[in-house]
N, C-alpha and C. Protein backbone atom coordinates (compact mmCIF):
# COMPACT_ATOMS: atom_id res chain seq x y z
N MET A 1 -4.14 -20.60 33.87
CA MET A 1 -4.56 -20.95 32.42
C MET A 1 -5.43 -19.62 32.02
N GLY A 2 -6.63 -18.89 32.12
CA GLY A 2 -7.52 -18.40 31.52
C GLY A 2 -8.28 -17.93 32.13
N ALA A 3 -8.64 -16.86 32.31
CA ALA A 3 -9.82 -16.43 32.65
C ALA A 3 -11.17 -15.98 32.74
N ARG A 4 -12.71 -16.25 32.98
CA ARG A 4 -13.72 -16.09 32.46
C ARG A 4 -14.25 -15.14 33.04
N VAL A 5 -15.09 -13.93 32.35
CA VAL A 5 -15.34 -12.15 32.30
C VAL A 5 -16.84 -13.23 31.14
N GLU A 6 -18.34 -13.03 32.09
CA GLU A 6 -19.27 -12.97 32.03
C GLU A 6 -20.32 -11.72 32.70
N ARG A 7 -20.31 -11.12 31.65
CA ARG A 7 -21.26 -9.52 31.89
C ARG A 7 -21.99 -9.58 30.41
N TRP A 8 -22.86 -8.11 31.44
CA TRP A 8 -23.83 -7.90 29.26
C TRP A 8 -24.23 -9.59 28.64
N GLY A 9 -24.04 -10.92 29.02
CA GLY A 9 -24.72 -12.30 27.93
C GLY A 9 -23.47 -11.96 27.42
N LEU A 10 -23.11 -11.44 27.54
CA LEU A 10 -21.34 -11.85 26.65
C LEU A 10 -20.45 -12.28 27.26
N ARG A 11 -19.18 -13.55 27.01
CA ARG A 11 -18.52 -14.56 27.26
C ARG A 11 -17.06 -14.95 27.07
N VAL A 12 -16.62 -13.95 27.68
CA VAL A 12 -14.48 -13.89 27.78
C VAL A 12 -13.83 -14.92 27.64
N TRP A 13 -12.69 -15.73 27.34
CA TRP A 13 -12.48 -16.17 28.17
C TRP A 13 -11.08 -15.45 27.24
N CYS A 14 -10.30 -15.12 28.01
CA CYS A 14 -8.58 -14.71 28.57
C CYS A 14 -7.78 -15.61 29.05
N ASN A 15 -6.36 -15.83 27.73
CA ASN A 15 -5.44 -16.41 28.10
C ASN A 15 -4.00 -16.03 27.33
N SER A 16 -3.36 -15.87 27.69
CA SER A 16 -1.40 -15.14 27.42
C SER A 16 -1.43 -15.34 25.54
N THR A 17 -1.91 -16.40 25.01
CA THR A 17 -1.24 -16.46 24.04
C THR A 17 -3.41 -16.11 23.35
N PHE A 18 -3.93 -16.22 23.35
CA PHE A 18 -4.87 -15.50 22.47
C PHE A 18 -6.85 -15.10 22.83
N THR A 19 -7.08 -14.43 22.51
CA THR A 19 -8.43 -14.21 23.58
C THR A 19 -9.47 -14.84 22.01
N LEU A 20 -10.24 -15.22 23.02
CA LEU A 20 -11.74 -15.69 22.30
C LEU A 20 -13.15 -15.41 22.38
N VAL A 21 -13.83 -14.66 21.76
CA VAL A 21 -14.53 -13.87 22.33
C VAL A 21 -15.98 -14.53 21.45
N THR A 22 -17.04 -15.21 22.45
CA THR A 22 -18.17 -15.48 21.73
C THR A 22 -19.39 -14.87 22.31
N ALA A 23 -20.74 -14.34 21.77
CA ALA A 23 -21.10 -13.41 22.05
C ALA A 23 -23.00 -14.59 21.95
N ARG A 24 -22.64 -14.47 22.94
CA ARG A 24 -23.90 -15.22 23.91
C ARG A 24 -24.44 -14.94 24.21
N VAL A 25 -25.74 -14.21 23.83
CA VAL A 25 -26.92 -13.26 23.93
C VAL A 25 -27.96 -14.08 24.67
N ILE A 26 -28.56 -13.99 25.84
CA ILE A 26 -29.73 -14.34 26.97
C ILE A 26 -30.68 -14.07 25.76
N PHE A 27 -31.31 -14.39 25.88
CA PHE A 27 -32.87 -14.50 25.19
C PHE A 27 -33.96 -13.08 25.14
N ASN A 28 -33.69 -13.14 26.62
CA ASN A 28 -34.82 -12.22 26.50
C ASN A 28 -34.29 -10.90 26.78
N ARG A 29 -32.94 -9.91 25.66
CA ARG A 29 -32.98 -9.14 25.74
C ARG A 29 -34.08 -8.79 23.97
N SER A 30 -33.48 -7.34 23.74
CA SER A 30 -34.19 -7.15 22.68
C SER A 30 -33.75 -6.74 21.50
N THR A 31 -34.28 -7.35 20.56
CA THR A 31 -33.56 -7.35 19.52
C THR A 31 -32.95 -6.04 19.05
N PHE A 32 -32.43 -4.77 19.10
CA PHE A 32 -31.83 -4.14 18.97
C PHE A 32 -30.79 -4.64 20.03
N THR A 33 -30.60 -4.75 21.38
CA THR A 33 -29.97 -4.51 22.35
C THR A 33 -29.12 -5.45 21.96
N LYS A 34 -29.33 -6.58 20.61
CA LYS A 34 -28.84 -8.33 20.89
C LYS A 34 -27.55 -7.66 19.60
N ILE A 35 -28.46 -6.61 18.36
CA ILE A 35 -27.81 -6.06 17.91
C ILE A 35 -26.18 -4.20 18.26
N GLY A 36 -27.12 -4.29 18.41
CA GLY A 36 -25.76 -3.73 19.18
C GLY A 36 -24.38 -3.66 20.51
N ILE A 37 -25.07 -5.04 20.93
CA ILE A 37 -24.26 -6.34 21.51
C ILE A 37 -23.34 -6.45 19.85
N VAL A 38 -23.74 -7.37 19.27
CA VAL A 38 -23.05 -7.75 17.92
C VAL A 38 -21.99 -6.43 17.77
N LEU A 39 -23.28 -5.07 17.09
CA LEU A 39 -21.73 -4.27 16.09
C LEU A 39 -20.95 -3.79 17.30
N VAL A 40 -20.79 -3.55 18.75
CA VAL A 40 -19.89 -3.98 19.56
C VAL A 40 -18.58 -4.68 19.15
N ILE A 41 -18.98 -5.73 18.79
CA ILE A 41 -18.02 -6.42 19.09
C ILE A 41 -17.32 -6.31 17.95
N PHE A 42 -17.86 -6.39 17.40
CA PHE A 42 -18.37 -5.75 15.42
C PHE A 42 -16.53 -5.34 15.73
N THR A 43 -16.51 -4.08 16.02
CA THR A 43 -16.19 -2.38 15.85
C THR A 43 -15.10 -3.22 16.62
N LEU A 44 -14.67 -3.64 18.16
CA LEU A 44 -13.64 -4.31 18.76
C LEU A 44 -13.17 -4.90 18.12
N LEU A 45 -13.44 -6.22 16.69
CA LEU A 45 -12.31 -6.95 16.59
C LEU A 45 -11.67 -6.17 15.59
N SER A 46 -12.23 -4.95 14.55
CA SER A 46 -11.98 -4.79 13.31
C SER A 46 -11.00 -3.93 14.12
N ALA A 47 -10.72 -3.27 14.91
CA ALA A 47 -10.13 -2.27 15.65
C ALA A 47 -8.86 -2.90 15.87
N VAL A 48 -9.36 -4.12 16.77
CA VAL A 48 -8.47 -5.03 16.90
C VAL A 48 -6.95 -5.67 16.10
N ASN A 49 -8.12 -6.05 14.56
CA ASN A 49 -6.86 -6.19 13.83
C ASN A 49 -6.46 -5.22 12.60
N ALA A 50 -7.17 -4.34 12.79
CA ALA A 50 -5.85 -2.77 12.62
C ALA A 50 -4.81 -2.17 13.28
N CYS A 51 -5.23 -2.24 14.54
CA CYS A 51 -3.27 -2.44 14.75
C CYS A 51 -2.39 -3.56 14.87
N LYS A 52 -3.01 -3.84 14.27
CA LYS A 52 -1.12 -5.88 13.76
C LYS A 52 -0.93 -4.71 12.81
N LYS A 53 0.26 -5.20 13.13
CA LYS A 53 1.49 -4.76 12.48
C LYS A 53 1.66 -5.89 11.13
N SER A 54 2.45 -4.91 10.14
CA SER A 54 2.87 -5.38 8.91
C SER A 54 3.54 -6.51 9.64
N SER A 55 4.31 -7.55 8.34
CA SER A 55 5.27 -8.38 9.21
C SER A 55 6.10 -8.21 7.39
N VAL A 56 6.31 -7.25 6.42
CA VAL A 56 6.77 -5.88 5.47
C VAL A 56 6.96 -4.73 6.49
N LYS A 57 8.91 -5.33 5.97
CA LYS A 57 9.74 -3.72 6.89
C LYS A 57 9.58 -2.77 5.81
N LEU A 58 8.82 -1.45 5.99
CA LEU A 58 8.86 -0.60 4.72
C LEU A 58 9.62 0.52 5.09
N TYR A 59 10.18 1.41 4.60
CA TYR A 59 11.42 2.46 5.12
C TYR A 59 11.02 3.16 3.95
N PRO A 60 10.51 4.61 4.44
CA PRO A 60 10.69 6.05 4.21
C PRO A 60 10.72 6.04 2.30
N VAL A 61 10.43 5.99 0.92
CA VAL A 61 11.17 6.98 1.03
C VAL A 61 10.50 7.85 -0.24
N LYS A 62 11.41 8.80 -1.10
CA LYS A 62 10.72 10.24 -1.44
C LYS A 62 11.92 10.63 -2.33
N GLY A 63 11.29 11.15 -3.84
CA GLY A 63 11.90 11.44 -4.15
C GLY A 63 12.18 12.42 -5.40
N LYS A 64 12.92 12.44 -7.01
CA LYS A 64 11.69 13.63 -7.75
C LYS A 64 11.61 13.64 -9.55
N VAL A 65 10.76 13.75 -9.85
CA VAL A 65 10.43 13.04 -11.35
C VAL A 65 10.54 14.92 -12.01
N LEU A 66 10.99 14.15 -13.20
CA LEU A 66 11.54 15.74 -14.14
C LEU A 66 11.45 15.13 -15.44
N PHE A 67 10.61 16.43 -16.86
CA PHE A 67 10.31 16.11 -18.32
C PHE A 67 10.12 16.93 -18.45
N LYS A 68 11.77 17.20 -19.14
CA LYS A 68 12.41 18.47 -19.66
C LYS A 68 12.95 19.43 -18.62
N GLY A 69 13.01 18.73 -18.11
CA GLY A 69 14.08 20.03 -17.30
C GLY A 69 12.94 20.71 -15.98
N GLN A 70 11.27 20.32 -16.03
CA GLN A 70 10.31 20.52 -15.06
C GLN A 70 9.65 18.95 -14.65
N PRO A 71 8.90 19.87 -13.48
CA PRO A 71 8.14 19.12 -12.76
C PRO A 71 7.19 18.06 -13.58
N ALA A 72 7.65 17.19 -13.40
CA ALA A 72 6.06 15.77 -13.98
C ALA A 72 4.78 16.15 -13.45
N GLU A 73 4.05 17.04 -13.41
CA GLU A 73 3.06 16.63 -12.10
C GLU A 73 1.84 15.95 -13.12
N GLY A 74 1.22 14.71 -11.85
CA GLY A 74 0.77 14.15 -12.24
C GLY A 74 0.82 12.45 -12.53
N ALA A 75 2.28 11.95 -13.14
CA ALA A 75 2.96 11.13 -13.35
C ALA A 75 2.43 9.90 -11.71
N GLN A 76 2.91 9.03 -12.90
CA GLN A 76 2.29 7.80 -11.79
C GLN A 76 4.02 6.72 -12.31
N ILE A 77 4.68 7.05 -11.03
CA ILE A 77 5.45 6.48 -10.45
C ILE A 77 6.12 4.74 -10.13
N VAL A 78 6.28 3.99 -10.57
CA VAL A 78 6.04 2.30 -10.47
C VAL A 78 7.22 1.99 -10.07
N PHE A 79 7.35 1.15 -9.08
CA PHE A 79 8.90 0.25 -8.61
C PHE A 79 8.38 -1.08 -8.96
N ARG A 80 9.07 -1.90 -8.85
CA ARG A 80 8.60 -2.76 -9.26
C ARG A 80 9.93 -3.64 -9.24
N PRO A 81 9.68 -4.29 -7.73
CA PRO A 81 11.47 -5.50 -7.91
C PRO A 81 12.59 -5.97 -8.77
N ALA A 82 13.90 -5.73 -8.63
CA ALA A 82 14.23 -6.06 -10.48
C ALA A 82 14.62 -7.77 -9.86
N ALA A 83 14.24 -8.62 -9.49
CA ALA A 83 14.33 -9.85 -9.41
C ALA A 83 12.74 -10.89 -10.81
N GLU A 84 11.77 -9.69 -10.34
CA GLU A 84 10.71 -10.39 -11.09
C GLU A 84 10.40 -9.90 -11.63
N ALA A 85 11.18 -7.77 -12.05
CA ALA A 85 11.68 -7.68 -13.60
C ALA A 85 12.41 -8.76 -14.35
N ALA A 86 13.11 -9.12 -13.97
CA ALA A 86 14.68 -10.02 -15.12
C ALA A 86 13.57 -11.47 -14.37
N GLY A 87 11.63 -12.22 -14.62
CA GLY A 87 11.47 -12.86 -14.86
C GLY A 87 12.28 -14.14 -13.73
N ALA A 88 12.64 -13.47 -12.74
CA ALA A 88 12.77 -14.41 -11.51
C ALA A 88 11.80 -15.03 -11.11
N ASN A 89 11.68 -15.92 -9.92
CA ASN A 89 10.20 -16.60 -9.05
C ASN A 89 11.26 -16.49 -8.17
N SER A 90 10.13 -15.19 -7.71
CA SER A 90 10.16 -14.47 -6.52
C SER A 90 9.52 -14.85 -5.68
N GLN A 91 10.16 -14.94 -4.54
CA GLN A 91 9.29 -15.64 -4.24
C GLN A 91 8.88 -14.45 -2.46
N SER A 92 9.56 -13.44 -2.39
CA SER A 92 8.92 -12.46 -2.08
C SER A 92 7.73 -12.16 -0.59
N THR A 93 7.73 -11.59 -0.37
CA THR A 93 6.64 -11.20 0.92
C THR A 93 5.37 -10.75 0.24
N THR A 94 6.52 -10.26 -0.08
CA THR A 94 5.29 -8.47 -1.32
C THR A 94 4.92 -8.57 -2.61
N ALA A 95 5.43 -9.90 -3.01
CA ALA A 95 4.66 -10.58 -4.76
C ALA A 95 2.69 -9.50 -5.52
N GLN A 96 3.46 -8.95 -6.39
CA GLN A 96 1.77 -8.33 -5.79
C GLN A 96 1.65 -7.28 -5.53
N SER A 97 2.72 -6.86 -5.03
CA SER A 97 3.04 -5.34 -4.02
C SER A 97 4.07 -4.16 -4.62
N ASN A 98 3.22 -4.37 -6.11
CA ASN A 98 4.60 -2.46 -6.42
C ASN A 98 4.26 -1.41 -5.09
N PRO A 99 5.28 -1.06 -4.96
CA PRO A 99 5.09 0.31 -4.20
C PRO A 99 5.24 1.82 -5.63
N TYR A 100 4.86 2.54 -5.36
CA TYR A 100 4.05 3.76 -6.34
C TYR A 100 3.66 4.61 -5.60
N GLY A 101 3.78 5.55 -6.41
CA GLY A 101 3.26 6.63 -6.13
C GLY A 101 3.01 7.86 -6.94
N ASP A 102 2.58 8.86 -6.50
CA ASP A 102 2.09 9.93 -7.64
C ASP A 102 3.10 11.42 -7.47
N VAL A 103 3.28 12.27 -8.96
CA VAL A 103 3.90 12.45 -8.46
C VAL A 103 3.84 13.99 -8.34
N LYS A 104 3.65 14.77 -7.38
CA LYS A 104 2.94 16.39 -6.97
C LYS A 104 3.53 17.39 -7.99
N ALA A 105 3.07 18.96 -7.85
CA ALA A 105 3.42 20.47 -8.08
C ALA A 105 4.72 20.43 -8.78
N ASP A 106 5.07 20.22 -7.72
CA ASP A 106 6.77 20.38 -7.86
C ASP A 106 7.92 19.16 -7.62
N GLY A 107 7.14 18.20 -8.53
CA GLY A 107 8.04 16.91 -8.53
C GLY A 107 8.32 16.11 -7.63
N THR A 108 7.74 16.14 -6.95
CA THR A 108 8.12 15.06 -5.43
C THR A 108 7.19 14.11 -5.38
N PHE A 109 7.15 13.03 -5.45
CA PHE A 109 6.54 12.00 -4.53
C PHE A 109 6.96 10.99 -3.30
N THR A 110 6.17 10.35 -2.87
CA THR A 110 6.84 9.40 -2.00
C THR A 110 6.08 7.74 -2.22
N LEU A 111 6.44 7.29 -2.10
CA LEU A 111 6.27 5.92 -2.35
C LEU A 111 4.81 5.46 -0.42
N ARG A 112 4.17 4.70 -1.50
CA ARG A 112 3.62 3.75 -1.09
C ARG A 112 3.14 2.33 -1.64
N THR A 113 2.81 1.08 -0.34
CA THR A 113 3.18 -0.40 -0.90
C THR A 113 2.07 -1.00 0.18
N GLU A 114 1.54 -1.13 -0.57
CA GLU A 114 -0.57 -1.49 -1.05
C GLU A 114 -0.27 -3.51 -0.36
N PRO A 115 -0.87 -3.49 0.58
CA PRO A 115 -1.73 -2.96 1.95
C PRO A 115 -0.85 -2.84 2.66
N TYR A 116 0.77 -3.11 3.03
CA TYR A 116 1.30 -2.07 3.85
C TYR A 116 1.19 -1.10 5.52
N GLY A 117 1.42 -0.37 3.60
CA GLY A 117 1.52 1.37 4.32
C GLY A 117 2.80 2.33 3.81
N GLU A 118 3.05 3.22 3.62
CA GLU A 118 3.87 4.26 3.06
C GLU A 118 4.83 3.21 3.38
N GLY A 119 5.51 3.72 2.30
CA GLY A 119 7.16 3.19 1.63
C GLY A 119 7.29 2.43 0.98
N ALA A 120 8.71 1.07 0.84
CA ALA A 120 8.72 0.42 0.90
C ALA A 120 9.85 -1.01 1.50
N PRO A 121 10.01 -1.68 0.61
CA PRO A 121 10.21 -2.46 1.28
C PRO A 121 11.85 -2.66 0.69
N ALA A 122 13.26 -2.63 1.67
CA ALA A 122 15.10 -2.28 0.47
C ALA A 122 14.96 -3.06 -0.01
N GLY A 123 15.51 -3.36 -1.14
CA GLY A 123 15.76 -3.60 -2.45
C GLY A 123 15.75 -2.78 -3.87
N ASP A 124 16.38 -3.71 -5.24
CA ASP A 124 17.06 -3.10 -6.30
C ASP A 124 15.80 -3.17 -7.14
N TYR A 125 14.91 -2.51 -7.94
CA TYR A 125 14.04 -1.68 -8.22
C TYR A 125 14.31 -1.76 -10.20
N VAL A 126 13.25 -1.71 -10.56
CA VAL A 126 13.27 -1.73 -12.02
C VAL A 126 12.05 -0.35 -11.58
N VAL A 127 12.55 0.72 -12.42
CA VAL A 127 11.25 1.88 -12.81
C VAL A 127 10.70 1.65 -12.92
N MET A 128 9.37 2.65 -13.44
CA MET A 128 8.46 2.54 -14.76
C MET A 128 7.78 4.12 -14.22
N ILE A 129 7.13 4.52 -15.31
CA ILE A 129 6.63 6.07 -14.89
C ILE A 129 5.45 6.49 -16.08
N SER A 130 5.01 6.32 -15.75
CA SER A 130 3.55 7.14 -16.72
C SER A 130 2.69 8.50 -16.76
N TRP A 131 2.99 8.98 -17.88
CA TRP A 131 2.18 10.03 -17.16
C TRP A 131 1.04 10.69 -18.79
N TYR A 132 -0.14 10.37 -18.53
CA TYR A 132 -1.53 10.62 -19.23
C TYR A 132 -1.77 12.12 -19.02
N THR A 133 -2.45 12.50 -20.48
CA THR A 133 -3.96 13.97 -20.25
C THR A 133 -4.24 13.38 -20.91
N GLN A 134 -5.76 13.65 -20.98
CA GLN A 134 -6.58 13.58 -21.16
C GLN A 134 -7.45 15.13 -21.89
N SER A 135 -7.33 14.57 -23.75
CA SER A 135 -7.67 14.91 -23.96
C SER A 135 -9.56 15.60 -24.53
N ASN A 136 -10.27 14.33 -23.12
CA ASN A 136 -11.71 14.24 -23.63
C ASN A 136 -11.69 13.96 -22.61
N PRO A 137 -12.64 14.83 -20.62
CA PRO A 137 -12.81 13.71 -20.04
C PRO A 137 -14.42 12.73 -19.98
N ASP A 138 -14.76 12.94 -21.53
CA ASP A 138 -16.08 12.02 -20.91
C ASP A 138 -15.60 10.52 -22.61
N ASP A 139 -14.93 11.13 -22.35
CA ASP A 139 -13.56 9.25 -23.41
C ASP A 139 -12.44 9.46 -22.74
N PRO A 140 -12.90 7.89 -21.23
CA PRO A 140 -11.00 7.68 -20.90
C PRO A 140 -10.50 6.93 -22.00
N LEU A 141 -10.14 6.61 -22.84
CA LEU A 141 -8.90 5.87 -24.51
C LEU A 141 -8.97 7.41 -25.14
N SER A 142 -8.99 8.46 -24.54
CA SER A 142 -8.92 9.89 -25.43
C SER A 142 -7.65 10.11 -25.00
N SER A 143 -6.82 9.17 -23.89
CA SER A 143 -6.09 9.32 -23.27
C SER A 143 -4.30 9.75 -24.00
N LYS A 144 -3.72 10.66 -23.75
CA LYS A 144 -2.18 10.85 -24.35
C LYS A 144 -1.51 10.96 -23.39
N SER A 145 -0.49 9.70 -23.86
CA SER A 145 0.99 10.03 -22.69
C SER A 145 1.74 10.74 -23.14
N LYS A 146 2.73 11.91 -22.45
CA LYS A 146 2.85 13.13 -22.39
C LYS A 146 4.51 12.61 -21.93
N LEU A 147 4.82 11.25 -22.05
CA LEU A 147 6.30 10.49 -21.82
C LEU A 147 6.98 9.98 -23.05
N PRO A 148 7.33 9.86 -23.35
CA PRO A 148 7.58 8.21 -24.38
C PRO A 148 7.59 6.89 -23.37
N ALA A 149 7.11 6.37 -24.63
CA ALA A 149 6.54 4.88 -23.70
C ALA A 149 7.96 4.21 -22.94
N LYS A 150 8.87 3.99 -23.19
CA LYS A 150 10.31 3.82 -22.93
C LYS A 150 10.86 3.41 -21.92
N TYR A 151 10.21 4.84 -20.83
CA TYR A 151 9.77 5.04 -20.35
C TYR A 151 9.05 3.82 -18.82
N ALA A 152 7.84 3.54 -18.92
CA ALA A 152 6.96 3.13 -18.46
C ALA A 152 7.03 1.39 -19.42
N ASP A 153 7.90 1.21 -20.19
CA ASP A 153 7.97 -0.75 -20.76
C ASP A 153 8.86 -1.47 -19.67
N PRO A 154 7.58 -2.31 -19.42
CA PRO A 154 8.01 -3.11 -17.91
C PRO A 154 9.28 -4.34 -18.49
N THR A 155 9.22 -4.83 -20.32
CA THR A 155 10.19 -5.46 -20.78
C THR A 155 11.16 -4.97 -20.90
N THR A 156 11.84 -3.70 -20.90
CA THR A 156 13.07 -3.25 -20.86
C THR A 156 13.33 -1.85 -20.26
N PRO A 157 13.59 -2.01 -18.91
CA PRO A 157 12.69 -0.76 -17.72
C PRO A 157 13.91 -0.60 -17.97
N LEU A 158 14.76 1.23 -18.67
CA LEU A 158 15.02 1.90 -18.32
C LEU A 158 16.83 2.63 -17.54
N LEU A 159 14.78 2.76 -16.12
CA LEU A 159 15.82 2.96 -14.83
C LEU A 159 15.62 2.03 -14.01
N LYS A 160 16.09 2.87 -12.88
CA LYS A 160 16.45 1.55 -11.35
C LYS A 160 16.52 1.98 -9.69
N ALA A 161 16.12 1.58 -9.09
CA ALA A 161 16.97 2.52 -7.86
C ALA A 161 17.29 1.26 -7.23
N THR A 162 17.62 1.64 -5.27
CA THR A 162 17.30 0.99 -4.60
C THR A 162 17.28 1.08 -3.48
N VAL A 163 16.19 1.29 -2.66
CA VAL A 163 15.84 1.01 -1.91
C VAL A 163 16.86 0.51 -0.58
N LYS A 164 17.12 1.46 0.23
CA LYS A 164 17.89 0.93 1.89
C LYS A 164 16.81 0.72 2.83
N GLU A 165 18.00 0.55 4.31
CA GLU A 165 17.28 0.75 4.74
C GLU A 165 17.22 1.49 5.95
N GLY A 166 16.36 2.24 5.93
CA GLY A 166 16.21 3.89 6.97
C GLY A 166 15.24 5.05 4.75
N ASP A 167 15.60 6.28 5.94
CA ASP A 167 14.82 6.85 4.83
C ASP A 167 16.02 7.49 3.82
N ASN A 168 14.68 6.85 2.57
CA ASN A 168 15.81 7.66 1.19
C ASN A 168 15.26 7.95 0.82
N ASP A 169 15.88 9.38 0.55
CA ASP A 169 16.00 10.23 -0.59
C ASP A 169 16.44 10.13 -1.95
N LEU A 170 16.02 9.53 -2.89
CA LEU A 170 16.72 9.18 -4.52
C LEU A 170 17.36 10.14 -5.01
N PRO A 171 17.75 10.41 -5.93
CA PRO A 171 18.19 11.69 -7.10
C PRO A 171 17.34 11.93 -8.05
N PRO A 172 16.89 12.98 -8.50
CA PRO A 172 16.04 12.79 -9.61
C PRO A 172 15.94 12.08 -10.17
N PHE A 173 14.81 11.64 -11.16
CA PHE A 173 14.92 10.25 -12.37
C PHE A 173 14.21 11.77 -13.82
N ASP A 174 15.31 12.27 -13.91
CA ASP A 174 15.24 12.99 -14.62
C ASP A 174 14.97 12.96 -16.66
N LEU A 175 13.81 13.03 -17.24
CA LEU A 175 13.96 12.53 -17.70
C LEU A 175 13.89 13.07 -19.33
N LYS A 176 14.23 12.92 -20.72
CA LYS A 176 14.02 13.33 -21.59
C LYS A 176 13.84 12.43 -22.76
N PRO A 177 12.65 14.04 -23.55
CA PRO A 177 12.18 13.23 -24.34
C PRO A 177 13.03 11.65 -25.12
């Protein structure tokens, strides 16, 4: 069935399907000891939770963004599932989690999908790219787009990409004015 272990004022029940941890602190312990025990339990539970694997399978995606043949350093790229972009009722497990990336100095990018990690789920995507420059750092509204708005318009997307199972090295997105 299960095993019960009691040490240092903690009672732990172990079983093959789950582990139930209850902190039963003995009353004659100091307040600092009680706080320390609670912090240790919290840290251990956080570590166990962080080690859980995501149920969403992600595949590495890298590519390049060029504008007028030059790297678009600082641009942001977002992949939106094609079915979602078309207005279909998407039942995807990654709803509201669009893969995204930032373009580096050499024009390359890698995708990340929050909260799952590096990569993107397999599927067809529409691609939106935006690239802004800020003329006055004190005024966030002073931003100006370096790209035509057509590349960031979600209603009429121009760019498409497919993420396949395995590593994905996409052809460059060579944007024109």
